[in-house]
Amino acid sequence: MPIHNQHYIDPRQGRHNPAALSGAGAVLQVEVNLPQPLINLLSSQNKPIPAPSPGFALIDTGASRTCIDSTVLSNLGISPIGVVTMGTAGGQTQCPLYPARLNFPVINLLIDFGSVAGVNLQGQTISGNPLVALIGRDVLSRCLFIYSGTGGFFTLAL
């Protein structure tokens, strides 16, 4: 079972920094890629396979499903496969659905999704790096997730 512990440490004081966790949120490095069946298809046709798109994924307990920035998915050449109505802070909206694969290098985990919601995350950054995905309850339903706001750390066990 992969387990990831992320501690936010104040380098000046050498102790946990709860403010850094609340500022950045529970984030993981991620690479967005084509799903394996699409990679297999392109390989069998001797077509180029685009490089994965790196960035950060924010664990979002308010998201019912995992969401990926639509621009990232389009840049990978992934076509939408459907539409879903989603509730957001701004009301209900229609979002395209895409097949996708997420690689979490720090915990050596790959997840192929039959569908993720394509959303606009443009301009959202974590420490200057792009936010490319929101990890929703579709993933969290298979995990143990501990968020210690007072301790300045989170744990994700899959």
Protein backbone atom coordinates (compact mmCIF):
# COMPACT_ATOMS: atom_id res chain seq x y z
CA MET A 1 0.00 0.00 0.00
CA PRO A 2 1.61 3.31 -1.05
CA ILE A 3 1.74 5.85 1.78
CA HIS A 4 2.71 9.48 1.34
CA ASN A 5 3.42 11.80 4.28
CA GLN A 6 3.86 15.45 3.38
CA HIS A 7 5.22 17.65 6.17
CA TYR A 8 5.37 21.41 5.69
CA ILE A 9 8.50 22.54 7.54
CA ASP A 10 9.60 26.11 8.22
CA PRO A 11 13.26 26.05 7.09
CA ARG A 12 14.18 28.93 9.41
CA GLN A 13 12.79 27.29 12.53
CA GLY A 14 13.10 23.61 11.56
CA ARG A 15 9.59 22.74 12.73
CA HIS A 16 6.18 22.08 11.23
CA ASN A 17 4.52 25.05 9.56
CA PRO A 18 0.71 24.82 9.67
CA ALA A 19 0.40 28.11 7.74
CA ALA A 20 2.27 26.59 4.77
CA LEU A 21 -0.17 23.68 4.62
CA SER A 22 -3.20 25.94 4.81
CA GLY A 23 -1.68 28.21 2.16
CA ALA A 24 -0.69 25.54 -0.36
CA GLY A 25 -3.19 22.83 0.52
CA ALA A 26 -2.68 19.09 0.30
CA VAL A 27 -0.83 18.86 -3.01
CA LEU A 28 1.11 16.13 -4.79
CA GLN A 29 3.35 16.20 -7.84
CA VAL A 30 1.54 14.63 -10.77
CA GLU A 31 1.98 13.87 -14.46
CA VAL A 32 -1.09 13.83 -16.72
CA ASN A 33 -0.84 11.39 -19.58
CA LEU A 34 -2.84 9.48 -22.14
CA PRO A 35 -4.61 6.43 -20.74
CA GLN A 36 -2.84 3.13 -21.39
CA PRO A 37 -5.33 1.89 -24.04
CA LEU A 38 -4.74 5.07 -26.07
CA ILE A 39 -0.97 4.70 -25.69
CA ASN A 40 -1.27 1.10 -26.93
CA LEU A 41 -3.36 2.21 -29.92
CA LEU A 42 -0.92 4.95 -30.94
CA SER A 43 2.01 2.55 -30.52
CA SER A 44 0.36 -0.06 -32.72
CA GLN A 45 -0.13 2.62 -35.40
CA ASN A 46 3.47 3.85 -35.05
CA LYS A 47 2.20 7.31 -34.07
CA PRO A 48 4.07 9.56 -31.65
CA ILE A 49 3.05 9.49 -28.01
CA PRO A 50 3.05 12.95 -26.40
CA ALA A 51 5.14 13.54 -23.29
CA PRO A 52 3.20 13.68 -20.01
CA SER A 53 2.25 17.09 -18.60
CA PRO A 54 3.74 17.70 -15.13
CA GLY A 55 2.27 19.87 -12.42
CA PHE A 56 0.53 19.65 -9.09
CA ALA A 57 -2.68 17.95 -8.04
CA LEU A 58 -4.69 19.37 -5.14
CA ILE A 59 -6.63 16.95 -2.96
CA ASP A 60 -10.16 18.37 -3.06
CA THR A 61 -12.65 16.72 -0.70
CA GLY A 62 -15.38 18.92 -2.22
CA ALA A 63 -14.93 17.42 -5.70
CA SER A 64 -17.01 14.31 -6.35
CA ARG A 65 -14.76 13.31 -9.26
CA THR A 66 -11.20 13.97 -10.31
CA CYS A 67 -10.80 16.99 -12.57
CA ILE A 68 -7.97 17.89 -14.94
CA ASP A 69 -7.28 21.17 -16.66
CA SER A 70 -8.91 21.05 -20.12
CA THR A 71 -5.95 22.77 -21.76
CA VAL A 72 -3.59 20.06 -20.51
CA LEU A 73 -5.88 17.35 -21.90
CA SER A 74 -6.23 19.16 -25.25
CA ASN A 75 -2.45 19.64 -25.50
CA LEU A 76 -2.06 15.87 -25.07
CA GLY A 77 -4.47 15.37 -27.98
CA ILE A 78 -7.14 13.65 -25.90
CA SER A 79 -10.67 14.06 -27.28
CA PRO A 80 -13.71 14.39 -25.02
CA ILE A 81 -15.90 11.29 -24.67
CA GLY A 82 -18.97 12.85 -23.04
CA VAL A 83 -20.34 15.61 -20.84
CA VAL A 84 -21.28 15.76 -17.16
CA THR A 85 -23.24 18.34 -15.18
CA MET A 86 -21.25 19.43 -12.14
CA GLY A 87 -22.12 21.63 -9.21
CA THR A 88 -19.57 24.35 -8.48
CA ALA A 89 -19.40 27.37 -6.19
CA GLY A 90 -20.71 29.37 -9.17
CA GLY A 91 -23.64 27.02 -9.82
CA GLN A 92 -24.15 24.07 -12.15
CA THR A 93 -22.03 23.80 -15.27
CA GLN A 94 -21.44 21.34 -18.10
CA CYS A 95 -17.94 19.83 -18.21
CA PRO A 96 -16.48 17.59 -20.91
CA LEU A 97 -15.32 14.12 -19.88
CA TYR A 98 -11.96 12.71 -20.98
CA PRO A 99 -10.10 9.45 -20.47
CA ALA A 100 -6.75 10.09 -18.76
CA ARG A 101 -3.92 8.64 -16.71
CA LEU A 102 -2.38 10.24 -13.65
CA ASN A 103 1.09 9.31 -12.45
CA PHE A 104 2.07 10.26 -8.90
CA PRO A 105 5.87 9.82 -8.96
CA VAL A 106 6.45 10.46 -5.24
CA ILE A 107 4.25 7.50 -4.29
CA ASN A 108 4.89 5.40 -7.42
CA LEU A 109 1.19 5.22 -8.32
CA LEU A 110 -0.51 5.20 -11.73
CA ILE A 111 -4.28 5.58 -12.09
CA ASP A 112 -6.07 5.11 -15.43
CA PHE A 113 -9.42 6.90 -15.39
CA GLY A 114 -12.29 5.94 -17.67
CA SER A 115 -13.28 9.59 -17.36
CA VAL A 116 -12.22 12.76 -15.61
CA ALA A 117 -13.90 16.15 -15.83
CA GLY A 118 -12.15 18.76 -17.93
CA VAL A 119 -12.11 22.07 -16.03
CA ASN A 120 -10.39 25.44 -16.25
CA LEU A 121 -7.47 25.58 -13.82
CA GLN A 122 -5.49 28.13 -15.85
CA GLY A 123 -3.54 30.58 -13.72
CA GLN A 124 -3.69 28.41 -10.58
CA THR A 125 -0.19 27.70 -9.26
CA ILE A 126 1.48 26.08 -6.26
CA SER A 127 4.94 27.51 -5.53
CA GLY A 128 5.08 28.79 -9.12
CA ASN A 129 4.18 25.41 -10.65
CA PRO A 130 0.87 24.86 -12.44
CA LEU A 131 -2.09 23.24 -10.72
CA VAL A 132 -3.21 20.70 -13.33
CA ALA A 133 -5.59 18.43 -11.41
CA LEU A 134 -8.03 18.19 -8.52
CA ILE A 135 -8.13 14.78 -6.83
CA GLY A 136 -11.76 14.05 -6.02
CA ARG A 137 -13.69 11.65 -3.86
CA ASP A 138 -13.64 9.03 -6.65
CA VAL A 139 -9.98 8.49 -5.66
CA LEU A 140 -10.32 9.37 -1.98
CA SER A 141 -13.03 6.72 -1.54
CA ARG A 142 -10.20 4.16 -1.89
CA CYS A 143 -7.79 5.94 0.46
CA LEU A 144 -7.03 6.97 3.98
CA PHE A 145 -6.54 10.74 4.00
CA ILE A 146 -5.39 12.59 7.12
CA TYR A 147 -5.13 16.38 7.10
CA SER A 148 -3.55 17.81 10.24
CA GLY A 149 -4.02 21.55 10.05
CA THR A 150 -2.51 22.11 13.49
CA GLY A 151 0.39 19.77 12.74
CA GLY A 152 1.16 21.15 9.28
CA PHE A 153 1.09 17.80 7.48
CA PHE A 154 -1.10 15.41 5.54
CA THR A 155 -0.98 11.67 4.93
CA LEU A 156 -2.42 9.82 1.96
CA ALA A 157 -2.49 6.01 2.02
CA LEU A 158 -3.85 4.04 -0.89
